[in-house]
């Protein structure tokens, strides 16, 4: 059976079950953010502690990559990390047992369209932040260096970087989550007692790890592009 519930929207085919899971994930994050920050205290509540823990984790990534400059893109990396983490973990809930007209309610990150969009967020972020730091002329000049025999022969390799970086983010996250979804479906079909629970616990670990890797690599890619400003000043 096809995993996706396909509908036509504005003349384009979309996966409605993916949209449902994406919006559900965003709703969960908005509610969590409201509950964790509605009554901030010097002696934090449990939810405030969790929120501060996420903040410290992500700030540790950005600070190790760019120092205090990392605070400029902390919200980007933090948003990516929390969304990917939420989407991955929601895929481990027994939502596939909920009946919908077509397909299943699987993790939003089990759809390559979602992981492509997330990877493009990283790509656009580091391109925009790099242009902002270097200026458009400095950004172009970076891609022309180093010159060989006076020619910008490294330009194709710089451009290739902008394809392979988001491509690796997209495929790594998609493949890991998709495999987990497939294993869970197989276990439910052939060994419905016991084995699915073990797979769920395994995939929870995979989901957390992949969210961390996605955020960490995004931090490194953004940090590498924005740090070039120091080389040109």
N, C-alpha and C. Protein backbone atom coordinates (compact mmCIF):
# COMPACT_ATOMS: atom_id res chain seq x y z
N UNK A 1 0.83 -1.19 0.00
CA UNK A 1 0.00 0.00 0.00
C UNK A 1 0.87 1.25 0.00
N UNK A 2 0.45 2.28 -0.76
CA UNK A 2 1.19 3.53 -0.81
C UNK A 2 1.14 4.19 0.56
N UNK A 3 2.30 4.69 1.01
CA UNK A 3 2.38 5.32 2.32
C UNK A 3 1.74 6.71 2.32
N UNK A 4 1.54 7.30 1.13
CA UNK A 4 1.15 8.70 1.08
C UNK A 4 -0.28 8.89 0.58
N UNK A 5 -0.95 9.83 1.23
CA UNK A 5 -2.31 10.24 0.85
C UNK A 5 -2.16 11.45 -0.07
N UNK A 6 -2.26 11.21 -1.37
CA UNK A 6 -1.99 12.25 -2.35
C UNK A 6 -3.27 12.99 -2.74
N UNK A 7 -3.19 14.32 -2.73
CA UNK A 7 -4.31 15.15 -3.16
C UNK A 7 -3.76 16.25 -4.07
N UNK A 8 -4.66 16.90 -4.79
CA UNK A 8 -4.28 18.03 -5.63
C UNK A 8 -4.51 19.32 -4.85
N UNK A 9 -3.48 20.17 -4.78
CA UNK A 9 -3.58 21.44 -4.09
C UNK A 9 -2.92 22.50 -4.96
N UNK A 10 -3.73 23.45 -5.43
CA UNK A 10 -3.24 24.51 -6.31
C UNK A 10 -2.54 23.95 -7.53
N UNK A 11 -3.10 22.86 -8.05
CA UNK A 11 -2.55 22.25 -9.25
C UNK A 11 -1.35 21.37 -9.03
N UNK A 12 -0.95 21.17 -7.77
CA UNK A 12 0.21 20.34 -7.45
C UNK A 12 -0.22 19.16 -6.59
N UNK A 13 0.42 18.01 -6.83
CA UNK A 13 0.17 16.83 -6.01
C UNK A 13 0.93 16.97 -4.70
N UNK A 14 0.22 16.84 -3.58
CA UNK A 14 0.87 16.95 -2.26
C UNK A 14 0.51 15.72 -1.44
N UNK A 15 1.35 15.44 -0.46
CA UNK A 15 1.11 14.32 0.46
C UNK A 15 0.40 14.85 1.69
N UNK A 16 -0.91 14.65 1.75
CA UNK A 16 -1.71 15.24 2.81
C UNK A 16 -1.32 14.69 4.18
N UNK A 17 -1.01 13.39 4.26
CA UNK A 17 -0.61 12.86 5.58
C UNK A 17 0.69 13.48 6.08
N UNK A 18 1.60 13.82 5.16
CA UNK A 18 2.82 14.52 5.57
C UNK A 18 2.49 15.90 6.09
N UNK A 19 1.59 16.61 5.39
CA UNK A 19 1.18 17.94 5.84
C UNK A 19 0.54 17.88 7.23
N UNK A 20 -0.28 16.86 7.45
CA UNK A 20 -0.92 16.70 8.76
C UNK A 20 0.14 16.54 9.84
N UNK A 21 1.14 15.70 9.58
CA UNK A 21 2.17 15.45 10.59
C UNK A 21 3.07 16.67 10.78
N UNK A 22 3.33 17.41 9.71
CA UNK A 22 4.14 18.63 9.83
C UNK A 22 3.43 19.66 10.70
N UNK A 23 2.14 19.89 10.41
CA UNK A 23 1.39 20.87 11.19
C UNK A 23 1.17 20.40 12.62
N UNK A 24 1.00 19.10 12.80
CA UNK A 24 0.86 18.57 14.16
C UNK A 24 2.16 18.77 14.94
N UNK A 25 3.29 18.55 14.29
CA UNK A 25 4.58 18.76 14.94
C UNK A 25 4.78 20.22 15.32
N UNK A 26 4.41 21.14 14.43
CA UNK A 26 4.54 22.56 14.75
C UNK A 26 3.62 22.95 15.89
N UNK A 27 2.42 22.37 15.92
CA UNK A 27 1.49 22.65 17.02
C UNK A 27 2.06 22.18 18.36
N UNK A 28 2.67 21.00 18.36
CA UNK A 28 3.28 20.47 19.58
C UNK A 28 4.38 21.42 20.07
N UNK A 29 5.21 21.91 19.15
CA UNK A 29 6.31 22.80 19.53
C UNK A 29 5.79 24.14 20.05
N UNK A 30 4.74 24.67 19.42
CA UNK A 30 4.17 25.94 19.88
C UNK A 30 3.59 25.81 21.28
N UNK A 31 2.89 24.72 21.52
CA UNK A 31 2.32 24.49 22.85
C UNK A 31 3.43 24.33 23.88
N UNK A 32 4.45 23.55 23.52
CA UNK A 32 5.58 23.36 24.44
C UNK A 32 6.27 24.68 24.75
N UNK A 33 6.50 25.50 23.71
CA UNK A 33 7.18 26.78 23.91
C UNK A 33 6.35 27.69 24.81
N UNK A 34 5.03 27.69 24.63
CA UNK A 34 4.16 28.52 25.46
C UNK A 34 4.17 28.06 26.91
N UNK A 35 4.06 26.75 27.11
CA UNK A 35 4.04 26.22 28.48
C UNK A 35 5.38 26.43 29.18
N UNK A 36 6.49 26.30 28.43
CA UNK A 36 7.81 26.40 29.04
C UNK A 36 8.21 27.83 29.37
N UNK A 37 7.61 28.81 28.68
CA UNK A 37 8.06 30.20 28.84
C UNK A 37 6.98 31.12 29.41
N UNK A 38 5.80 30.62 29.70
CA UNK A 38 4.71 31.51 30.13
C UNK A 38 4.94 32.08 31.52
N UNK A 39 5.75 31.40 32.34
CA UNK A 39 5.96 31.87 33.71
C UNK A 39 7.41 31.57 34.12
N UNK A 40 8.34 32.31 33.51
CA UNK A 40 9.76 32.06 33.77
C UNK A 40 10.12 32.45 35.20
N UNK A 41 10.88 31.58 35.85
CA UNK A 41 11.25 31.79 37.24
C UNK A 41 12.75 31.56 37.43
N UNK A 42 13.32 32.19 38.46
CA UNK A 42 14.72 31.93 38.80
C UNK A 42 14.92 30.49 39.24
N UNK A 43 13.91 29.95 39.93
CA UNK A 43 13.89 28.51 40.24
C UNK A 43 12.97 27.87 39.21
N UNK A 44 13.53 27.31 38.15
CA UNK A 44 12.71 26.89 37.01
C UNK A 44 11.83 25.68 37.31
N UNK A 45 10.69 25.66 36.60
CA UNK A 45 9.83 24.48 36.63
C UNK A 45 10.46 23.39 35.77
N UNK A 46 9.85 22.22 35.77
CA UNK A 46 10.40 21.12 34.98
C UNK A 46 10.40 21.45 33.49
N UNK A 47 9.30 22.02 33.00
CA UNK A 47 9.24 22.37 31.59
C UNK A 47 10.25 23.45 31.24
N UNK A 48 10.42 24.43 32.14
CA UNK A 48 11.42 25.46 31.90
C UNK A 48 12.82 24.86 31.86
N UNK A 49 13.07 23.88 32.71
CA UNK A 49 14.37 23.20 32.71
C UNK A 49 14.61 22.49 31.38
N UNK A 50 13.56 21.85 30.87
CA UNK A 50 13.69 21.16 29.58
C UNK A 50 14.00 22.17 28.48
N UNK A 51 13.25 23.29 28.47
CA UNK A 51 13.48 24.32 27.48
C UNK A 51 14.89 24.89 27.56
N UNK A 52 15.36 25.15 28.78
CA UNK A 52 16.72 25.66 28.96
C UNK A 52 17.76 24.62 28.56
N UNK A 53 17.43 23.36 28.77
CA UNK A 53 18.34 22.29 28.35
C UNK A 53 18.51 22.28 26.83
N UNK A 54 17.39 22.42 26.10
CA UNK A 54 17.46 22.48 24.64
C UNK A 54 18.28 23.69 24.20
N UNK A 55 18.02 24.83 24.84
CA UNK A 55 18.74 26.05 24.48
C UNK A 55 20.25 25.88 24.69
N UNK A 56 20.63 25.34 25.83
CA UNK A 56 22.06 25.16 26.12
C UNK A 56 22.71 24.17 25.17
N UNK A 57 21.96 23.13 24.80
CA UNK A 57 22.50 22.14 23.86
C UNK A 57 22.80 22.78 22.52
N UNK A 58 21.83 23.52 21.99
CA UNK A 58 22.00 24.13 20.67
C UNK A 58 23.04 25.24 20.73
N UNK A 59 23.03 26.03 21.80
CA UNK A 59 24.03 27.11 21.90
C UNK A 59 25.44 26.53 22.00
N UNK A 60 25.55 25.37 22.62
CA UNK A 60 26.85 24.72 22.65
C UNK A 60 27.35 24.39 21.26
N UNK A 61 26.44 23.97 20.38
CA UNK A 61 26.82 23.67 18.99
C UNK A 61 27.30 24.94 18.28
N UNK A 62 26.48 25.99 18.34
CA UNK A 62 26.80 27.20 17.59
C UNK A 62 28.04 27.90 18.16
N UNK A 63 28.19 27.86 19.49
CA UNK A 63 29.35 28.54 20.10
C UNK A 63 30.65 27.81 19.74
N UNK A 64 30.60 26.48 19.72
CA UNK A 64 31.80 25.72 19.37
C UNK A 64 32.19 25.93 17.91
N UNK A 65 31.21 26.29 17.07
CA UNK A 65 31.49 26.49 15.65
C UNK A 65 31.94 27.92 15.35
N UNK A 66 31.28 28.91 15.98
CA UNK A 66 31.54 30.30 15.61
C UNK A 66 31.71 31.24 16.78
N UNK A 67 31.80 30.72 18.00
CA UNK A 67 31.90 31.59 19.15
C UNK A 67 30.62 32.39 19.34
N UNK A 68 30.77 33.65 19.78
CA UNK A 68 29.59 34.48 20.02
C UNK A 68 28.86 34.82 18.72
N UNK A 69 29.57 34.74 17.59
CA UNK A 69 28.92 34.97 16.30
C UNK A 69 27.83 33.94 16.03
N UNK A 70 27.97 32.77 16.67
CA UNK A 70 26.97 31.72 16.48
C UNK A 70 25.60 32.10 17.00
N UNK A 71 25.54 33.10 17.89
CA UNK A 71 24.24 33.53 18.40
C UNK A 71 23.36 34.11 17.30
N UNK A 72 23.99 34.55 16.19
CA UNK A 72 23.22 35.15 15.10
C UNK A 72 22.38 34.12 14.36
N UNK A 73 22.79 32.86 14.41
CA UNK A 73 21.99 31.83 13.75
C UNK A 73 21.53 30.74 14.71
N UNK A 74 21.60 31.06 16.00
CA UNK A 74 21.15 30.11 17.01
C UNK A 74 19.70 29.72 16.82
N UNK A 75 18.85 30.70 16.49
CA UNK A 75 17.41 30.41 16.36
C UNK A 75 17.14 29.50 15.16
N UNK A 76 17.98 29.59 14.12
CA UNK A 76 17.79 28.74 12.94
C UNK A 76 18.10 27.29 13.29
N UNK A 77 19.27 27.09 13.87
CA UNK A 77 19.68 25.73 14.24
C UNK A 77 18.75 25.15 15.29
N UNK A 78 18.36 25.97 16.26
CA UNK A 78 17.45 25.50 17.30
C UNK A 78 16.10 25.08 16.74
N UNK A 79 15.58 25.86 15.81
CA UNK A 79 14.30 25.53 15.19
C UNK A 79 14.38 24.23 14.40
N UNK A 80 15.48 24.08 13.65
CA UNK A 80 15.68 22.85 12.88
C UNK A 80 15.77 21.64 13.80
N UNK A 81 16.56 21.78 14.87
CA UNK A 81 16.74 20.66 15.79
C UNK A 81 15.42 20.25 16.44
N UNK A 82 14.68 21.21 16.95
CA UNK A 82 13.44 20.89 17.65
C UNK A 82 12.39 20.32 16.70
N UNK A 83 12.32 20.86 15.48
CA UNK A 83 11.33 20.33 14.54
C UNK A 83 11.68 18.92 14.10
N UNK A 84 12.95 18.68 13.75
CA UNK A 84 13.35 17.34 13.31
C UNK A 84 13.16 16.34 14.45
N UNK A 85 13.54 16.74 15.66
CA UNK A 85 13.37 15.85 16.81
C UNK A 85 11.90 15.51 17.03
N UNK A 86 11.04 16.52 16.98
CA UNK A 86 9.60 16.29 17.18
C UNK A 86 9.02 15.42 16.09
N UNK A 87 9.38 15.71 14.84
CA UNK A 87 8.86 14.93 13.71
C UNK A 87 9.31 13.48 13.80
N UNK A 88 10.58 13.27 14.16
CA UNK A 88 11.10 11.91 14.28
C UNK A 88 10.37 11.13 15.37
N UNK A 89 10.20 11.75 16.53
CA UNK A 89 9.59 11.06 17.67
C UNK A 89 8.09 10.83 17.44
N UNK A 90 7.43 11.74 16.76
CA UNK A 90 6.00 11.54 16.48
C UNK A 90 5.78 10.34 15.57
N UNK A 91 6.79 10.02 14.78
CA UNK A 91 6.69 8.85 13.93
C UNK A 91 6.69 7.55 14.70
N UNK A 92 7.10 7.61 15.98
CA UNK A 92 7.13 6.39 16.79
C UNK A 92 5.84 6.21 17.59
N UNK A 93 4.96 7.18 17.54
CA UNK A 93 3.64 7.01 18.15
C UNK A 93 2.82 6.06 17.29
N UNK A 94 1.86 5.37 17.86
CA UNK A 94 1.06 4.40 17.07
C UNK A 94 0.04 5.08 16.17
N UNK A 95 0.46 6.14 15.49
CA UNK A 95 -0.47 6.89 14.65
C UNK A 95 -0.80 6.16 13.36
N UNK A 96 0.05 5.21 12.96
CA UNK A 96 -0.25 4.47 11.74
C UNK A 96 -1.50 3.61 11.92
N UNK A 97 -1.93 3.40 13.17
CA UNK A 97 -3.16 2.64 13.42
C UNK A 97 -4.40 3.50 13.25
N UNK A 98 -4.20 4.85 13.17
CA UNK A 98 -5.34 5.75 12.94
C UNK A 98 -5.76 5.63 11.48
N UNK A 99 -7.03 5.40 11.26
CA UNK A 99 -7.51 5.19 9.89
C UNK A 99 -7.68 6.52 9.18
N UNK A 100 -7.05 6.65 8.02
CA UNK A 100 -7.28 7.77 7.12
C UNK A 100 -7.62 7.18 5.75
N UNK A 101 -8.25 7.97 4.87
CA UNK A 101 -8.71 7.40 3.59
C UNK A 101 -7.62 6.70 2.79
N UNK A 102 -6.41 7.24 2.80
CA UNK A 102 -5.32 6.64 2.03
C UNK A 102 -4.02 6.80 2.81
N UNK A 103 -3.09 5.86 2.65
CA UNK A 103 -1.78 5.97 3.25
C UNK A 103 -1.80 5.80 4.76
N UNK A 104 -0.75 6.31 5.42
CA UNK A 104 -0.58 6.17 6.86
C UNK A 104 -0.02 7.46 7.44
N UNK A 105 -0.24 7.65 8.74
CA UNK A 105 0.33 8.79 9.44
C UNK A 105 1.73 8.41 9.95
N UNK A 106 2.71 8.55 9.06
CA UNK A 106 4.08 8.22 9.41
C UNK A 106 4.84 9.51 9.72
N UNK A 107 6.08 9.38 10.16
CA UNK A 107 6.89 10.56 10.48
C UNK A 107 7.01 11.47 9.26
N UNK A 108 6.88 12.77 9.50
CA UNK A 108 7.00 13.72 8.39
C UNK A 108 8.37 13.65 7.75
N UNK A 109 9.39 13.31 8.54
CA UNK A 109 10.75 13.19 8.00
C UNK A 109 10.97 11.89 7.25
N UNK A 110 9.94 11.04 7.21
CA UNK A 110 9.99 9.85 6.37
C UNK A 110 9.56 10.15 4.95
N UNK A 111 9.30 11.43 4.66
CA UNK A 111 8.94 11.90 3.32
C UNK A 111 10.11 12.74 2.82
N UNK A 112 10.68 12.39 1.69
CA UNK A 112 11.86 13.09 1.18
C UNK A 112 11.58 14.55 0.88
N UNK A 113 10.31 14.89 0.63
CA UNK A 113 9.97 16.29 0.40
C UNK A 113 10.21 17.13 1.65
N UNK A 114 9.93 16.56 2.82
CA UNK A 114 10.16 17.27 4.07
C UNK A 114 11.64 17.46 4.33
N UNK A 115 12.42 16.39 4.17
CA UNK A 115 13.86 16.50 4.43
C UNK A 115 14.54 17.41 3.41
N UNK A 116 14.02 17.43 2.18
CA UNK A 116 14.56 18.37 1.18
C UNK A 116 14.30 19.80 1.61
N UNK A 117 13.08 20.08 2.08
CA UNK A 117 12.75 21.43 2.53
C UNK A 117 13.63 21.86 3.70
N UNK A 118 13.86 20.94 4.65
CA UNK A 118 14.71 21.25 5.80
C UNK A 118 16.15 21.51 5.36
N UNK A 119 16.64 20.71 4.42
CA UNK A 119 18.00 20.90 3.92
C UNK A 119 18.13 22.24 3.19
N UNK A 120 17.09 22.63 2.47
CA UNK A 120 17.11 23.91 1.76
C UNK A 120 17.10 25.08 2.74
N UNK A 121 16.46 24.90 3.89
CA UNK A 121 16.50 25.94 4.93
C UNK A 121 17.94 26.18 5.36
N UNK A 122 18.69 25.09 5.56
CA UNK A 122 20.10 25.21 5.92
C UNK A 122 20.89 25.90 4.81
N UNK A 123 20.66 25.48 3.57
CA UNK A 123 21.38 26.05 2.43
C UNK A 123 21.11 27.55 2.31
N UNK A 124 19.85 27.93 2.31
CA UNK A 124 19.49 29.35 2.17
C UNK A 124 20.04 30.15 3.35
N UNK A 125 20.00 29.55 4.54
CA UNK A 125 20.47 30.26 5.73
C UNK A 125 21.94 30.60 5.62
N UNK A 126 22.77 29.61 5.26
CA UNK A 126 24.20 29.92 5.24
C UNK A 126 24.58 30.78 4.04
N UNK A 127 23.82 30.72 2.94
CA UNK A 127 24.09 31.62 1.82
C UNK A 127 23.73 33.06 2.19
N UNK A 128 22.56 33.25 2.82
CA UNK A 128 22.13 34.60 3.19
C UNK A 128 23.05 35.18 4.26
N UNK A 129 23.37 34.39 5.29
CA UNK A 129 24.23 34.88 6.36
C UNK A 129 25.64 35.19 5.85
N UNK A 130 26.11 34.38 4.90
CA UNK A 130 27.43 34.63 4.33
C UNK A 130 27.43 35.92 3.51
N UNK A 131 26.38 36.13 2.70
CA UNK A 131 26.28 37.37 1.93
C UNK A 131 26.18 38.58 2.85
N UNK A 132 25.45 38.42 3.95
CA UNK A 132 25.28 39.52 4.89
C UNK A 132 26.61 39.88 5.55
N UNK A 133 27.41 38.89 5.85
CA UNK A 133 28.69 39.13 6.52
C UNK A 133 29.74 39.67 5.57
N UNK A 134 29.82 39.07 4.37
CA UNK A 134 30.87 39.44 3.43
C UNK A 134 30.48 40.56 2.48
N UNK A 135 29.15 40.76 2.34
CA UNK A 135 28.69 41.59 1.25
C UNK A 135 28.61 40.73 -0.01
N UNK A 136 27.77 41.11 -0.95
CA UNK A 136 27.59 40.26 -2.13
C UNK A 136 28.88 40.13 -2.92
N UNK A 137 29.64 41.24 -3.01
CA UNK A 137 30.91 41.19 -3.74
C UNK A 137 31.91 40.26 -3.07
N UNK A 138 32.00 40.35 -1.75
CA UNK A 138 32.90 39.47 -1.02
C UNK A 138 32.49 38.02 -1.12
N UNK A 139 31.17 37.78 -1.14
CA UNK A 139 30.66 36.42 -1.28
C UNK A 139 31.08 35.83 -2.62
N UNK A 140 30.92 36.61 -3.69
CA UNK A 140 31.34 36.15 -5.02
C UNK A 140 32.85 35.96 -5.08
N UNK A 141 33.59 36.87 -4.45
CA UNK A 141 35.05 36.79 -4.47
C UNK A 141 35.54 35.53 -3.77
N UNK A 142 34.85 35.14 -2.69
CA UNK A 142 35.22 33.91 -1.98
C UNK A 142 35.12 32.70 -2.91
N UNK A 143 34.11 32.70 -3.77
CA UNK A 143 33.92 31.56 -4.67
C UNK A 143 34.94 31.55 -5.82
N UNK A 144 35.60 32.68 -6.01
CA UNK A 144 36.61 32.75 -7.07
C UNK A 144 38.00 32.33 -6.57
N UNK A 145 38.13 32.23 -5.25
CA UNK A 145 39.43 31.90 -4.67
C UNK A 145 39.50 30.43 -4.27
N UNK A 146 40.68 29.81 -4.23
CA UNK A 146 41.94 30.37 -4.74
C UNK A 146 42.01 30.24 -6.26
N UNK A 147 42.64 31.21 -6.90
CA UNK A 147 42.78 31.17 -8.36
C UNK A 147 44.03 30.37 -8.74
N UNK A 148 43.92 29.66 -9.83
CA UNK A 148 45.02 28.86 -10.36
C UNK A 148 45.36 29.40 -11.75
N UNK A 149 46.61 29.86 -11.92
CA UNK A 149 47.03 30.50 -13.17
C UNK A 149 46.13 31.69 -13.49
N UNK A 150 45.67 32.35 -12.43
CA UNK A 150 44.85 33.54 -12.62
C UNK A 150 43.39 33.25 -12.97
N UNK A 151 43.02 31.97 -12.96
CA UNK A 151 41.66 31.60 -13.34
C UNK A 151 40.92 31.01 -12.13
N UNK A 152 39.61 31.27 -12.02
CA UNK A 152 38.82 30.74 -10.89
C UNK A 152 38.45 29.27 -11.11
N UNK A 153 39.48 28.42 -11.17
CA UNK A 153 39.23 27.02 -11.49
C UNK A 153 38.55 26.26 -10.36
N UNK A 154 38.55 26.83 -9.14
CA UNK A 154 37.91 26.17 -8.01
C UNK A 154 36.42 26.49 -7.91
N UNK A 155 35.93 27.38 -8.76
CA UNK A 155 34.52 27.77 -8.70
C UNK A 155 33.57 26.57 -8.81
N UNK A 156 33.79 25.62 -9.75
CA UNK A 156 32.88 24.47 -9.82
C UNK A 156 32.85 23.66 -8.53
N UNK A 157 33.97 23.58 -7.81
CA UNK A 157 34.00 22.81 -6.57
C UNK A 157 33.25 23.52 -5.45
N UNK A 158 33.32 24.86 -5.44
CA UNK A 158 32.54 25.62 -4.47
C UNK A 158 31.05 25.42 -4.72
N UNK A 159 30.68 25.45 -6.00
CA UNK A 159 29.26 25.26 -6.33
C UNK A 159 28.82 23.83 -6.00
N UNK A 160 29.72 22.88 -6.20
CA UNK A 160 29.39 21.49 -5.87
C UNK A 160 29.14 21.34 -4.37
N UNK A 161 29.87 22.11 -3.56
CA UNK A 161 29.64 22.09 -2.12
C UNK A 161 28.20 22.44 -1.77
N UNK A 162 27.66 23.42 -2.50
CA UNK A 162 26.31 23.89 -2.21
C UNK A 162 25.24 22.87 -2.64
N UNK A 163 25.65 21.87 -3.39
CA UNK A 163 24.73 20.80 -3.77
C UNK A 163 24.88 19.61 -2.83
N UNK A 164 26.12 19.25 -2.55
CA UNK A 164 26.37 18.04 -1.74
C UNK A 164 26.02 18.24 -0.27
N UNK A 165 26.21 19.44 0.25
CA UNK A 165 25.91 19.65 1.67
C UNK A 165 24.43 19.46 1.98
N UNK A 166 23.53 20.19 1.32
CA UNK A 166 22.11 19.93 1.60
C UNK A 166 21.68 18.55 1.13
N UNK A 167 22.33 18.04 0.08
CA UNK A 167 21.98 16.70 -0.39
C UNK A 167 22.27 15.64 0.65
N UNK A 168 23.41 15.77 1.33
CA UNK A 168 23.76 14.80 2.37
C UNK A 168 22.81 14.91 3.56
N UNK A 169 22.44 16.14 3.93
CA UNK A 169 21.48 16.34 5.01
C UNK A 169 20.15 15.68 4.69
N UNK A 170 19.68 15.93 3.48
CA UNK A 170 18.39 15.41 3.05
C UNK A 170 18.36 13.88 3.05
N UNK A 171 19.35 13.27 2.42
CA UNK A 171 19.33 11.82 2.25
C UNK A 171 19.61 11.07 3.55
N UNK A 172 20.50 11.60 4.38
CA UNK A 172 20.82 10.91 5.63
C UNK A 172 19.59 10.83 6.53
N UNK A 173 18.91 11.95 6.72
CA UNK A 173 17.74 11.98 7.59
C UNK A 173 16.61 11.13 7.00
N UNK A 174 16.36 11.30 5.70
CA UNK A 174 15.27 10.56 5.06
C UNK A 174 15.49 9.06 5.12
N UNK A 175 16.69 8.61 4.79
CA UNK A 175 16.97 7.18 4.74
C UNK A 175 16.84 6.54 6.12
N UNK A 176 17.38 7.20 7.15
CA UNK A 176 17.32 6.62 8.49
C UNK A 176 15.89 6.51 9.01
N UNK A 177 15.10 7.54 8.79
CA UNK A 177 13.72 7.51 9.29
C UNK A 177 12.87 6.56 8.45
N UNK A 178 13.09 6.53 7.14
CA UNK A 178 12.31 5.64 6.28
C UNK A 178 12.56 4.19 6.64
N UNK A 179 13.82 3.83 6.88
CA UNK A 179 14.13 2.45 7.25
C UNK A 179 13.42 2.08 8.55
N UNK A 180 13.40 2.99 9.51
CA UNK A 180 12.70 2.73 10.76
C UNK A 180 11.21 2.52 10.56
N UNK A 181 10.61 3.34 9.68
CA UNK A 181 9.19 3.18 9.38
C UNK A 181 8.91 1.82 8.74
N UNK A 182 9.79 1.41 7.83
CA UNK A 182 9.61 0.12 7.15
C UNK A 182 9.76 -1.04 8.12
N UNK A 183 10.75 -0.96 9.01
CA UNK A 183 10.94 -2.02 10.00
C UNK A 183 9.73 -2.12 10.92
N UNK A 184 9.20 -0.97 11.33
CA UNK A 184 8.02 -0.97 12.19
C UNK A 184 6.82 -1.59 11.51
N UNK A 185 6.62 -1.27 10.24
CA UNK A 185 5.48 -1.82 9.49
C UNK A 185 5.62 -3.33 9.32
N UNK A 186 6.83 -3.79 9.04
CA UNK A 186 7.06 -5.23 8.87
C UNK A 186 6.82 -5.96 10.18
N UNK A 187 7.31 -5.37 11.28
CA UNK A 187 7.13 -6.01 12.58
C UNK A 187 5.66 -6.11 12.96
N UNK A 188 4.89 -5.05 12.69
CA UNK A 188 3.46 -5.08 12.99
C UNK A 188 2.73 -6.14 12.18
N UNK A 189 3.20 -6.39 10.98
CA UNK A 189 2.52 -7.33 10.10
C UNK A 189 2.85 -8.78 10.43
N UNK A 190 4.12 -9.05 10.77
CA UNK A 190 4.53 -10.44 10.93
C UNK A 190 4.74 -10.86 12.39
N UNK A 191 5.20 -9.96 13.24
CA UNK A 191 5.40 -10.30 14.66
C UNK A 191 4.79 -9.18 15.50
N UNK A 192 3.48 -9.09 15.56
CA UNK A 192 2.81 -7.93 16.17
C UNK A 192 2.97 -7.81 17.68
N UNK A 193 3.46 -8.86 18.35
CA UNK A 193 3.59 -8.80 19.81
C UNK A 193 5.07 -8.80 20.18
N UNK A 194 5.50 -7.76 20.87
CA UNK A 194 6.87 -7.71 21.38
C UNK A 194 7.85 -7.00 20.46
N UNK A 195 8.04 -7.50 19.25
CA UNK A 195 9.05 -6.95 18.35
C UNK A 195 8.81 -5.48 17.99
N UNK A 196 7.56 -5.07 17.70
CA UNK A 196 7.35 -3.65 17.40
C UNK A 196 7.80 -2.73 18.53
N UNK A 197 7.61 -3.16 19.78
CA UNK A 197 8.03 -2.34 20.92
C UNK A 197 9.55 -2.16 20.93
N UNK A 198 10.28 -3.23 20.66
CA UNK A 198 11.74 -3.14 20.60
C UNK A 198 12.19 -2.21 19.49
N UNK A 199 11.54 -2.30 18.35
CA UNK A 199 11.90 -1.45 17.21
C UNK A 199 11.59 0.01 17.53
N UNK A 200 10.47 0.26 18.22
CA UNK A 200 10.12 1.63 18.59
C UNK A 200 11.19 2.24 19.49
N UNK A 201 11.65 1.48 20.49
CA UNK A 201 12.69 1.99 21.38
C UNK A 201 13.99 2.25 20.62
N UNK A 202 14.31 1.36 19.68
CA UNK A 202 15.50 1.55 18.87
C UNK A 202 15.37 2.81 18.01
N UNK A 203 14.21 3.00 17.41
CA UNK A 203 14.00 4.13 16.52
C UNK A 203 13.90 5.45 17.28
N UNK A 204 13.49 5.41 18.54
CA UNK A 204 13.53 6.63 19.34
C UNK A 204 14.97 7.12 19.47
N UNK A 205 15.88 6.18 19.74
CA UNK A 205 17.30 6.54 19.79
C UNK A 205 17.81 7.06 18.47
N UNK A 206 17.40 6.40 17.38
CA UNK A 206 17.82 6.84 16.05
C UNK A 206 17.26 8.24 15.76
N UNK A 207 16.00 8.46 16.12
CA UNK A 207 15.38 9.75 15.87
C UNK A 207 16.08 10.89 16.59
N UNK A 208 16.43 10.67 17.86
CA UNK A 208 17.14 11.68 18.63
C UNK A 208 18.52 11.93 18.03
N UNK A 209 19.22 10.86 17.70
CA UNK A 209 20.56 10.98 17.13
C UNK A 209 20.54 11.71 15.79
N UNK A 210 19.58 11.38 14.93
CA UNK A 210 19.52 12.02 13.62
C UNK A 210 19.16 13.50 13.72
N UNK A 211 18.32 13.85 14.69
CA UNK A 211 18.00 15.27 14.90
C UNK A 211 19.26 16.02 15.33
N UNK A 212 20.03 15.41 16.22
CA UNK A 212 21.27 16.04 16.69
C UNK A 212 22.28 16.18 15.54
N UNK A 213 22.42 15.12 14.72
CA UNK A 213 23.37 15.16 13.61
C UNK A 213 22.95 16.22 12.59
N UNK A 214 21.65 16.29 12.30
CA UNK A 214 21.16 17.29 11.34
C UNK A 214 21.49 18.69 11.83
N UNK A 215 21.21 18.97 13.11
CA UNK A 215 21.48 20.29 13.67
C UNK A 215 22.97 20.58 13.71
N UNK A 216 23.77 19.58 14.09
CA UNK A 216 25.22 19.77 14.19
C UNK A 216 25.85 20.06 12.83
N UNK A 217 25.45 19.29 11.82
CA UNK A 217 25.99 19.53 10.48
C UNK A 217 25.53 20.87 9.93
N UNK A 218 24.28 21.24 10.21
CA UNK A 218 23.80 22.57 9.79
C UNK A 218 24.64 23.66 10.44
N UNK A 219 24.96 23.48 11.72
CA UNK A 219 25.80 24.44 12.43
C UNK A 219 27.17 24.55 11.78
N UNK A 220 27.75 23.40 11.46
CA UNK A 220 29.09 23.40 10.84
C UNK A 220 29.06 24.08 9.48
N UNK A 221 28.05 23.76 8.67
CA UNK A 221 27.97 24.36 7.33
C UNK A 221 27.78 25.87 7.41
N UNK A 222 26.89 26.32 8.30
CA UNK A 222 26.68 27.76 8.45
C UNK A 222 27.94 28.42 8.99
N UNK A 223 28.56 27.78 9.98
CA UNK A 223 29.78 28.34 10.57
C UNK A 223 30.91 28.46 9.56
N UNK A 224 31.06 27.45 8.70
CA UNK A 224 32.12 27.49 7.69
C UNK A 224 31.92 28.66 6.73
N UNK A 225 30.68 28.90 6.31
CA UNK A 225 30.42 29.97 5.36
C UNK A 225 30.54 31.34 6.01
N UNK A 226 30.02 31.50 7.22
CA UNK A 226 30.06 32.82 7.85
C UNK A 226 31.45 33.16 8.36
N UNK A 227 32.28 32.16 8.65
CA UNK A 227 33.63 32.44 9.15
C UNK A 227 34.56 32.95 8.07
N UNK A 228 34.14 32.82 6.79
CA UNK A 228 35.01 33.29 5.71
C UNK A 228 35.19 34.80 5.77
N UNK A 229 34.26 35.46 6.49
CA UNK A 229 34.40 36.91 6.59
C UNK A 229 35.70 37.32 7.23
N UNK A 230 36.20 36.53 8.16
CA UNK A 230 37.44 36.86 8.83
C UNK A 230 38.63 36.77 7.89
N UNK A 231 38.50 35.93 6.85
CA UNK A 231 39.61 35.75 5.92
C UNK A 231 39.74 36.94 4.96
N UNK A 232 38.61 37.67 4.78
CA UNK A 232 38.64 38.73 3.78
C UNK A 232 38.80 40.11 4.40
N UNK A 233 38.86 40.19 5.76
CA UNK A 233 39.02 41.50 6.41
C UNK A 233 40.45 41.60 6.92
